[in-house]
Amino acid sequence: MNVFSTKETIIFIIYVDDGIFLSEDDAMISEAIQMLRDTGLDIQDQGHSADYVGLNIKLTHGGFYEFTQRALIDTIIEDCNISVRVRVDIR
């Protein structure tokens, strides 16, 4: 027998100056973050837990592992005030 429902559960793990919220309900995570911000804490949302610490690992259809650091890339672009341009070749 379950003591609690996983849909109503949120876990917050803290290590030094990093933290991660885990829940099946993204709205609960957003609420918890907002509650902490409302106390005056400066909390930065670094994105989905799959990208925690800026590293996302996924298995491609070809059987290779793809490593990306989207959150880190976005932060560097923003901090350096870089404008991203995409070039499309329409030959």
PDB file of N, CA and C in Angstrom:
ATOM      1  N   MET A   1       0.839  -1.185   0.000  1.00  0.00           N
ATOM      2  CA  MET A   1       0.000   0.000   0.000  1.00  0.00           C
ATOM      3  C   MET A   1       0.885   1.250   0.000  1.00  0.00           C
ATOM      4  N   ASN A   2       0.541   2.227  -0.861  1.00  0.00           N
ATOM      5  CA  ASN A   2       1.269   3.490  -0.921  1.00  0.00           C
ATOM      6  C   ASN A   2       0.830   4.402   0.212  1.00  0.00           C
ATOM      7  N   VAL A   3       1.784   4.998   0.874  1.00  0.00           N
ATOM      8  CA  VAL A   3       1.474   5.954   1.934  1.00  0.00           C
ATOM      9  C   VAL A   3       1.070   7.291   1.323  1.00  0.00           C
ATOM     10  N   PHE A   4       1.627   7.617   0.173  1.00  0.00           N
ATOM     11  CA  PHE A   4       1.298   8.870  -0.509  1.00  0.00           C
ATOM     12  C   PHE A   4       1.236   8.634  -2.001  1.00  0.00           C
ATOM     13  N   SER A   5       0.561   9.531  -2.682  1.00  0.00           N
ATOM     14  CA  SER A   5       0.455   9.459  -4.137  1.00  0.00           C
ATOM     15  C   SER A   5       1.637  10.184  -4.757  1.00  0.00           C
ATOM     16  N   THR A   6       2.271   9.595  -5.766  1.00  0.00           N
ATOM     17  CA  THR A   6       3.402  10.260  -6.407  1.00  0.00           C
ATOM     18  C   THR A   6       2.972  11.518  -7.141  1.00  0.00           C
ATOM     19  N   LYS A   7       1.715  11.606  -7.546  1.00  0.00           N
ATOM     20  CA  LYS A   7       1.218  12.811  -8.223  1.00  0.00           C
ATOM     21  C   LYS A   7       1.188  14.008  -7.285  1.00  0.00           C
ATOM     22  N   GLU A   8       1.136  13.756  -5.990  1.00  0.00           N
ATOM     23  CA  GLU A   8       1.053  14.842  -5.008  1.00  0.00           C
ATOM     24  C   GLU A   8       2.366  15.036  -4.259  1.00  0.00           C
ATOM     25  N   THR A   9       3.441  14.491  -4.790  1.00  0.00           N
ATOM     26  CA  THR A   9       4.723  14.534  -4.097  1.00  0.00           C
ATOM     27  C   THR A   9       5.694  15.441  -4.832  1.00  0.00           C
ATOM     28  N   ILE A  10       6.451  16.192  -4.030  1.00  0.00           N
ATOM     29  CA  ILE A  10       7.535  17.001  -4.586  1.00  0.00           C
ATOM     30  C   ILE A  10       8.754  16.777  -3.697  1.00  0.00           C
ATOM     31  N   ILE A  11       9.890  16.587  -4.314  1.00  0.00           N
ATOM     32  CA  ILE A  11      11.138  16.367  -3.591  1.00  0.00           C
ATOM     33  C   ILE A  11      12.071  17.513  -3.943  1.00  0.00           C
ATOM     34  N   PHE A  12      12.735  18.064  -2.926  1.00  0.00           N
ATOM     35  CA  PHE A  12      13.696  19.144  -3.140  1.00  0.00           C
ATOM     36  C   PHE A  12      15.032  18.697  -2.562  1.00  0.00           C
ATOM     37  N   ILE A  13      16.030  18.564  -3.424  1.00  0.00           N
ATOM     38  CA  ILE A  13      17.359  18.131  -3.007  1.00  0.00           C
ATOM     39  C   ILE A  13      18.293  19.330  -3.110  1.00  0.00           C
ATOM     40  N   ILE A  14      19.048  19.582  -2.026  1.00  0.00           N
ATOM     41  CA  ILE A  14      19.976  20.710  -1.996  1.00  0.00           C
ATOM     42  C   ILE A  14      21.391  20.179  -1.783  1.00  0.00           C
ATOM     43  N   TYR A  15      22.321  20.701  -2.571  1.00  0.00           N
ATOM     44  CA  TYR A  15      23.736  20.408  -2.377  1.00  0.00           C
ATOM     45  C   TYR A  15      24.502  21.715  -2.515  1.00  0.00           C
ATOM     46  N   VAL A  16      25.074  22.183  -1.451  1.00  0.00           N
ATOM     47  CA  VAL A  16      25.803  23.442  -1.353  1.00  0.00           C
ATOM     48  C   VAL A  16      24.920  24.586  -1.855  1.00  0.00           C
ATOM     49  N   ASP A  17      25.140  25.072  -3.086  1.00  0.00           N
ATOM     50  CA  ASP A  17      24.334  26.187  -3.587  1.00  0.00           C
ATOM     51  C   ASP A  17      23.485  25.789  -4.790  1.00  0.00           C
ATOM     52  N   ASP A  18      23.295  24.509  -4.990  1.00  0.00           N
ATOM     53  CA  ASP A  18      22.437  24.010  -6.070  1.00  0.00           C
ATOM     54  C   ASP A  18      21.279  23.226  -5.468  1.00  0.00           C
ATOM     55  N   GLY A  19      20.183  23.228  -6.165  1.00  0.00           N
ATOM     56  CA  GLY A  19      19.029  22.453  -5.727  1.00  0.00           C
ATOM     57  C   GLY A  19      18.268  21.939  -6.926  1.00  0.00           C
ATOM     58  N   ILE A  20      17.512  20.899  -6.694  1.00  0.00           N
ATOM     59  CA  ILE A  20      16.699  20.341  -7.765  1.00  0.00           C
ATOM     60  C   ILE A  20      15.363  19.899  -7.186  1.00  0.00           C
ATOM     61  N   PHE A  21      14.297  20.269  -7.892  1.00  0.00           N
ATOM     62  CA  PHE A  21      12.957  19.826  -7.542  1.00  0.00           C
ATOM     63  C   PHE A  21      12.603  18.640  -8.421  1.00  0.00           C
ATOM     64  N   LEU A  22      12.008  17.631  -7.841  1.00  0.00           N
ATOM     65  CA  LEU A  22      11.554  16.464  -8.592  1.00  0.00           C
ATOM     66  C   LEU A  22      10.076  16.224  -8.285  1.00  0.00           C
ATOM     67  N   SER A  23       9.289  16.059  -9.320  1.00  0.00           N
ATOM     68  CA  SER A  23       7.866  15.783  -9.168  1.00  0.00           C
ATOM     69  C   SER A  23       7.311  15.345 -10.515  1.00  0.00           C
ATOM     70  N   GLU A  24       6.249  14.579 -10.481  1.00  0.00           N
ATOM     71  CA  GLU A  24       5.554  14.235 -11.725  1.00  0.00           C
ATOM     72  C   GLU A  24       4.681  15.390 -12.203  1.00  0.00           C
ATOM     73  N   ASP A  25       4.490  16.387 -11.344  1.00  0.00           N
ATOM     74  CA  ASP A  25       3.609  17.512 -11.632  1.00  0.00           C
ATOM     75  C   ASP A  25       4.435  18.789 -11.791  1.00  0.00           C
ATOM     76  N   ASP A  26       4.651  19.237 -13.037  1.00  0.00           N
ATOM     77  CA  ASP A  26       5.454  20.440 -13.291  1.00  0.00           C
ATOM     78  C   ASP A  26       4.854  21.685 -12.640  1.00  0.00           C
ATOM     79  N   ALA A  27       3.528  21.729 -12.529  1.00  0.00           N
ATOM     80  CA  ALA A  27       2.873  22.886 -11.899  1.00  0.00           C
ATOM     81  C   ALA A  27       3.259  22.995 -10.427  1.00  0.00           C
ATOM     82  N   MET A  28       3.391  21.849  -9.747  1.00  0.00           N
ATOM     83  CA  MET A  28       3.811  21.866  -8.343  1.00  0.00           C
ATOM     84  C   MET A  28       5.220  22.420  -8.203  1.00  0.00           C
ATOM     85  N   ILE A  29       6.088  22.068  -9.138  1.00  0.00           N
ATOM     86  CA  ILE A  29       7.457  22.580  -9.097  1.00  0.00           C
ATOM     87  C   ILE A  29       7.451  24.092  -9.299  1.00  0.00           C
ATOM     88  N   SER A  30       6.685  24.565 -10.271  1.00  0.00           N
ATOM     89  CA  SER A  30       6.589  26.011 -10.516  1.00  0.00           C
ATOM     90  C   SER A  30       6.063  26.744  -9.293  1.00  0.00           C
ATOM     91  N   GLU A  31       5.065  26.168  -8.635  1.00  0.00           N
ATOM     92  CA  GLU A  31       4.513  26.776  -7.411  1.00  0.00           C
ATOM     93  C   GLU A  31       5.561  26.842  -6.310  1.00  0.00           C
ATOM     94  N   ALA A  32       6.306  25.764  -6.130  1.00  0.00           N
ATOM     95  CA  ALA A  32       7.323  25.727  -5.079  1.00  0.00           C
ATOM     96  C   ALA A  32       8.415  26.765  -5.347  1.00  0.00           C
ATOM     97  N   ILE A  33       8.835  26.872  -6.595  1.00  0.00           N
ATOM     98  CA  ILE A  33       9.843  27.870  -6.954  1.00  0.00           C
ATOM     99  C   ILE A  33       9.318  29.273  -6.668  1.00  0.00           C
ATOM    100  N   GLN A  34       8.075  29.530  -7.047  1.00  0.00           N
ATOM    101  CA  GLN A  34       7.497  30.853  -6.810  1.00  0.00           C
ATOM    102  C   GLN A  34       7.376  31.163  -5.323  1.00  0.00           C
ATOM    103  N   MET A  35       7.003  30.153  -4.530  1.00  0.00           N
ATOM    104  CA  MET A  35       6.904  30.352  -3.077  1.00  0.00           C
ATOM    105  C   MET A  35       8.251  30.759  -2.493  1.00  0.00           C
ATOM    106  N   LEU A  36       9.329  30.120  -2.947  1.00  0.00           N
ATOM    107  CA  LEU A  36      10.660  30.480  -2.456  1.00  0.00           C
ATOM    108  C   LEU A  36      11.075  31.861  -2.939  1.00  0.00           C
ATOM    109  N   ARG A  37      10.734  32.199  -4.175  1.00  0.00           N
ATOM    110  CA  ARG A  37      11.031  33.541  -4.684  1.00  0.00           C
ATOM    111  C   ARG A  37      10.278  34.597  -3.884  1.00  0.00           C
ATOM    112  N   ASP A  38       9.039  34.282  -3.503  1.00  0.00           N
ATOM    113  CA  ASP A  38       8.220  35.228  -2.737  1.00  0.00           C
ATOM    114  C   ASP A  38       8.821  35.539  -1.373  1.00  0.00           C
ATOM    115  N   THR A  39       9.701  34.667  -0.859  1.00  0.00           N
ATOM    116  CA  THR A  39      10.365  34.932   0.421  1.00  0.00           C
ATOM    117  C   THR A  39      11.574  35.845   0.240  1.00  0.00           C
ATOM    118  N   GLY A  40      11.903  36.165  -1.013  1.00  0.00           N
ATOM    119  CA  GLY A  40      13.030  37.040  -1.286  1.00  0.00           C
ATOM    120  C   GLY A  40      14.271  36.309  -1.773  1.00  0.00           C
ATOM    121  N   LEU A  41      14.200  34.992  -1.887  1.00  0.00           N
ATOM    122  CA  LEU A  41      15.355  34.244  -2.392  1.00  0.00           C
ATOM    123  C   LEU A  41      15.520  34.467  -3.890  1.00  0.00           C
ATOM    124  N   ASP A  42      16.763  34.598  -4.319  1.00  0.00           N
ATOM    125  CA  ASP A  42      17.078  34.757  -5.739  1.00  0.00           C
ATOM    126  C   ASP A  42      17.258  33.361  -6.322  1.00  0.00           C
ATOM    127  N   ILE A  43      16.216  32.834  -6.935  1.00  0.00           N
ATOM    128  CA  ILE A  43      16.245  31.482  -7.479  1.00  0.00           C
ATOM    129  C   ILE A  43      16.220  31.555  -8.991  1.00  0.00           C
ATOM    130  N   GLN A  44      17.141  30.845  -9.622  1.00  0.00           N
ATOM    131  CA  GLN A  44      17.179  30.777 -11.072  1.00  0.00           C
ATOM    132  C   GLN A  44      16.699  29.410 -11.509  1.00  0.00           C
ATOM    133  N   ASP A  45      15.750  29.402 -12.398  1.00  0.00           N
ATOM    134  CA  ASP A  45      15.247  28.146 -12.950  1.00  0.00           C
ATOM    135  C   ASP A  45      16.168  27.754 -14.097  1.00  0.00           C
ATOM    136  N   GLN A  46      16.880  26.657 -13.934  1.00  0.00           N
ATOM    137  CA  GLN A  46      17.843  26.193 -14.937  1.00  0.00           C
ATOM    138  C   GLN A  46      17.224  25.221 -15.930  1.00  0.00           C
ATOM    139  N   GLY A  47      15.904  25.107 -15.898  1.00  0.00           N
ATOM    140  CA  GLY A  47      15.241  24.231 -16.851  1.00  0.00           C
ATOM    141  C   GLY A  47      14.880  22.876 -16.271  1.00  0.00           C
ATOM    142  N   HIS A  48      14.518  21.991 -17.141  1.00  0.00           N
ATOM    143  CA  HIS A  48      14.041  20.664 -16.762  1.00  0.00           C
ATOM    144  C   HIS A  48      15.150  19.855 -16.104  1.00  0.00           C
ATOM    145  N   SER A  49      14.769  18.965 -15.213  1.00  0.00           N
ATOM    146  CA  SER A  49      15.757  18.156 -14.498  1.00  0.00           C
ATOM    147  C   SER A  49      16.576  17.270 -15.439  1.00  0.00           C
ATOM    148  N   ALA A  50      16.052  16.991 -16.627  1.00  0.00           N
ATOM    149  CA  ALA A  50      16.826  16.217 -17.604  1.00  0.00           C
ATOM    150  C   ALA A  50      18.076  16.986 -18.027  1.00  0.00           C
ATOM    151  N   ASP A  51      18.058  18.295 -17.853  1.00  0.00           N
ATOM    152  CA  ASP A  51      19.193  19.136 -18.200  1.00  0.00           C
ATOM    153  C   ASP A  51      19.956  19.596 -16.960  1.00  0.00           C
ATOM    154  N   TYR A  52      19.725  18.945 -15.819  1.00  0.00           N
ATOM    155  CA  TYR A  52      20.350  19.359 -14.565  1.00  0.00           C
ATOM    156  C   TYR A  52      21.859  19.464 -14.726  1.00  0.00           C
ATOM    157  N   VAL A  53      22.416  20.493 -14.185  1.00  0.00           N
ATOM    158  CA  VAL A  53      23.832  20.831 -14.284  1.00  0.00           C
ATOM    159  C   VAL A  53      24.207  21.095 -15.740  1.00  0.00           C
ATOM    160  N   GLY A  54      23.207  21.379 -16.549  1.00  0.00           N
ATOM    161  CA  GLY A  54      23.457  21.789 -17.914  1.00  0.00           C
ATOM    162  C   GLY A  54      23.783  20.672 -18.881  1.00  0.00           C
ATOM    163  N   LEU A  55      23.744  19.447 -18.447  1.00  0.00           N
ATOM    164  CA  LEU A  55      24.122  18.351 -19.322  1.00  0.00           C
ATOM    165  C   LEU A  55      22.930  17.451 -19.591  1.00  0.00           C
ATOM    166  N   ASN A  56      22.643  17.254 -20.869  1.00  0.00           N
ATOM    167  CA  ASN A  56      21.565  16.365 -21.277  1.00  0.00           C
ATOM    168  C   ASN A  56      22.183  15.247 -22.106  1.00  0.00           C
ATOM    169  N   ILE A  57      21.843  14.026 -21.767  1.00  0.00           N
ATOM    170  CA  ILE A  57      22.371  12.860 -22.484  1.00  0.00           C
ATOM    171  C   ILE A  57      21.198  12.093 -23.058  1.00  0.00           C
ATOM    172  N   LYS A  58      21.243  11.851 -24.357  1.00  0.00           N
ATOM    173  CA  LYS A  58      20.172  11.050 -24.953  1.00  0.00           C
ATOM    174  C   LYS A  58      20.755  10.073 -25.967  1.00  0.00           C
ATOM    175  N   LEU A  59      20.080   8.954 -26.093  1.00  0.00           N
ATOM    176  CA  LEU A  59      20.475   7.923 -27.034  1.00  0.00           C
ATOM    177  C   LEU A  59      19.789   8.215 -28.361  1.00  0.00           C
ATOM    178  N   THR A  60      20.579   8.331 -29.439  1.00  0.00           N
ATOM    179  CA  THR A  60      20.014   8.629 -30.759  1.00  0.00           C
ATOM    180  C   THR A  60      19.504   7.355 -31.410  1.00  0.00           C
ATOM    181  N   HIS A  61      18.755   7.526 -32.496  1.00  0.00           N
ATOM    182  CA  HIS A  61      18.224   6.371 -33.236  1.00  0.00           C
ATOM    183  C   HIS A  61      19.342   5.502 -33.810  1.00  0.00           C
ATOM    184  N   GLY A  62      20.507   6.100 -34.071  1.00  0.00           N
ATOM    185  CA  GLY A  62      21.630   5.351 -34.626  1.00  0.00           C
ATOM    186  C   GLY A  62      22.435   4.601 -33.581  1.00  0.00           C
ATOM    187  N   GLY A  63      22.016   4.703 -32.316  1.00  0.00           N
ATOM    188  CA  GLY A  63      22.711   3.992 -31.251  1.00  0.00           C
ATOM    189  C   GLY A  63      23.860   4.765 -30.626  1.00  0.00           C
ATOM    190  N   PHE A  64      23.971   6.053 -30.959  1.00  0.00           N
ATOM    191  CA  PHE A  64      25.015   6.892 -30.389  1.00  0.00           C
ATOM    192  C   PHE A  64      24.436   7.715 -29.245  1.00  0.00           C
ATOM    193  N   TYR A  65      25.306   8.177 -28.349  1.00  0.00           N
ATOM    194  CA  TYR A  65      24.885   9.068 -27.281  1.00  0.00           C
ATOM    195  C   TYR A  65      25.165  10.498 -27.704  1.00  0.00           C
ATOM    196  N   GLU A  66      24.186  11.370 -27.482  1.00  0.00           N
ATOM    197  CA  GLU A  66      24.322  12.789 -27.813  1.00  0.00           C
ATOM    198  C   GLU A  66      24.361  13.576 -26.512  1.00  0.00           C
ATOM    199  N   PHE A  67      25.404  14.349 -26.315  1.00  0.00           N
ATOM    200  CA  PHE A  67      25.558  15.183 -25.132  1.00  0.00           C
ATOM    201  C   PHE A  67      25.330  16.639 -25.527  1.00  0.00           C
ATOM    202  N   THR A  68      24.459  17.327 -24.810  1.00  0.00           N
ATOM    203  CA  THR A  68      24.236  18.749 -25.077  1.00  0.00           C
ATOM    204  C   THR A  68      24.232  19.507 -23.756  1.00  0.00           C
ATOM    205  N   GLN A  69      24.526  20.782 -23.839  1.00  0.00           N
ATOM    206  CA  GLN A  69      24.522  21.644 -22.664  1.00  0.00           C
ATOM    207  C   GLN A  69      23.724  22.908 -22.981  1.00  0.00           C
ATOM    208  N   ARG A  70      22.468  22.737 -23.336  1.00  0.00           N
ATOM    209  CA  ARG A  70      21.616  23.839 -23.776  1.00  0.00           C
ATOM    210  C   ARG A  70      21.556  24.969 -22.757  1.00  0.00           C
ATOM    211  N   ALA A  71      21.368  24.664 -21.480  1.00  0.00           N
ATOM    212  CA  ALA A  71      21.253  25.721 -20.467  1.00  0.00           C
ATOM    213  C   ALA A  71      22.545  26.531 -20.380  1.00  0.00           C
ATOM    214  N   LEU A  72      23.684  25.852 -20.425  1.00  0.00           N
ATOM    215  CA  LEU A  72      24.964  26.547 -20.369  1.00  0.00           C
ATOM    216  C   LEU A  72      25.169  27.399 -21.619  1.00  0.00           C
ATOM    217  N   ILE A  73      24.843  26.867 -22.775  1.00  0.00           N
ATOM    218  CA  ILE A  73      24.965  27.615 -24.028  1.00  0.00           C
ATOM    219  C   ILE A  73      24.097  28.871 -23.988  1.00  0.00           C
ATOM    220  N   ASP A  74      22.846  28.721 -23.550  1.00  0.00           N
ATOM    221  CA  ASP A  74      21.936  29.868 -23.469  1.00  0.00           C
ATOM    222  C   ASP A  74      22.452  30.917 -22.494  1.00  0.00           C
ATOM    223  N   THR A  75      23.010  30.488 -21.358  1.00  0.00           N
ATOM    224  CA  THR A  75      23.537  31.428 -20.370  1.00  0.00           C
ATOM    225  C   THR A  75      24.726  32.198 -20.932  1.00  0.00           C
ATOM    226  N   ILE A  76      25.618  31.518 -21.624  1.00  0.00           N
ATOM    227  CA  ILE A  76      26.780  32.185 -22.222  1.00  0.00           C
ATOM    228  C   ILE A  76      26.334  33.193 -23.274  1.00  0.00           C
ATOM    229  N   ILE A  77      25.397  32.809 -24.120  1.00  0.00           N
ATOM    230  CA  ILE A  77      24.877  33.716 -25.146  1.00  0.00           C
ATOM    231  C   ILE A  77      24.269  34.954 -24.506  1.00  0.00           C
ATOM    232  N   GLU A  78      23.484  34.746 -23.445  1.00  0.00           N
ATOM    233  CA  GLU A  78      22.839  35.875 -22.762  1.00  0.00           C
ATOM    234  C   GLU A  78      23.873  36.750 -22.051  1.00  0.00           C
ATOM    235  N   ASP A  79      24.802  36.144 -21.314  1.00  0.00           N
ATOM    236  CA  ASP A  79      25.811  36.901 -20.572  1.00  0.00           C
ATOM    237  C   ASP A  79      26.723  37.712 -21.483  1.00  0.00           C
ATOM    238  N   CYS A  80      26.996  37.191 -22.671  1.00  0.00           N
ATOM    239  CA  CYS A  80      27.870  37.888 -23.616  1.00  0.00           C
ATOM    240  C   CYS A  80      27.094  38.820 -24.536  1.00  0.00           C
ATOM    241  N   ASN A  81      25.775  38.860 -24.350  1.00  0.00           N
ATOM    242  CA  ASN A  81      24.915  39.712 -25.160  1.00  0.00           C
ATOM    243  C   ASN A  81      25.122  39.435 -26.650  1.00  0.00           C
ATOM    244  N   ILE A  82      25.160  38.154 -26.980  1.00  0.00           N
ATOM    245  CA  ILE A  82      25.374  37.718 -28.353  1.00  0.00           C
ATOM    246  C   ILE A  82      24.030  37.539 -29.042  1.00  0.00           C
ATOM    247  N   SER A  83      23.953  38.019 -30.249  1.00  0.00           N
ATOM    248  CA  SER A  83      22.754  37.821 -31.055  1.00  0.00           C
ATOM    249  C   SER A  83      22.963  36.569 -31.905  1.00  0.00           C
ATOM    250  N   VAL A  84      22.029  35.664 -31.838  1.00  0.00           N
ATOM    251  CA  VAL A  84      22.148  34.419 -32.603  1.00  0.00           C
ATOM    252  C   VAL A  84      21.441  34.594 -33.934  1.00  0.00           C
ATOM    253  N   ARG A  85      22.175  34.302 -34.999  1.00  0.00           N
ATOM    254  CA  ARG A  85      21.607  34.387 -36.339  1.00  0.00           C
ATOM    255  C   ARG A  85      21.671  33.023 -36.979  1.00  0.00           C
ATOM    256  N   VAL A  86      20.636  32.672 -37.698  1.00  0.00           N
ATOM    257  CA  VAL A  86      20.597  31.404 -38.384  1.00  0.00           C
ATOM    258  C   VAL A  86      20.635  31.669 -39.873  1.00  0.00           C
ATOM    259  N   ARG A  87      21.545  30.988 -40.563  1.00  0.00           N
ATOM    260  CA  ARG A  87      21.661  31.147 -42.003  1.00  0.00           C
ATOM    261  C   ARG A  87      21.011  29.933 -42.676  1.00  0.00           C
ATOM    262  N   VAL A  88      20.151  30.214 -43.617  1.00  0.00           N
ATOM    263  CA  VAL A  88      19.464  29.136 -44.332  1.00  0.00           C
ATOM    264  C   VAL A  88      19.830  29.230 -45.794  1.00  0.00           C
ATOM    265  N   ASP A  89      20.351  28.148 -46.342  1.00  0.00           N
ATOM    266  CA  ASP A  89      20.720  28.091 -47.753  1.00  0.00           C
ATOM    267  C   ASP A  89      19.516  27.547 -48.519  1.00  0.00           C
ATOM    268  N   ILE A  90      18.943  28.358 -49.417  1.00  0.00           N
ATOM    269  CA  ILE A  90      17.714  27.946 -50.137  1.00  0.00           C
ATOM    270  C   ILE A  90      17.984  27.702 -51.612  1.00  0.00           C
ATOM    271  N   ARG A  91      19.150  27.222 -51.959  1.00  0.00           N
ATOM    272  CA  ARG A  91      19.494  26.961 -53.360  1.00  0.00           C
ATOM    273  C   ARG A  91      18.542  26.019 -54.005  1.00  0.00           C
TER     274      ARG A  91
END
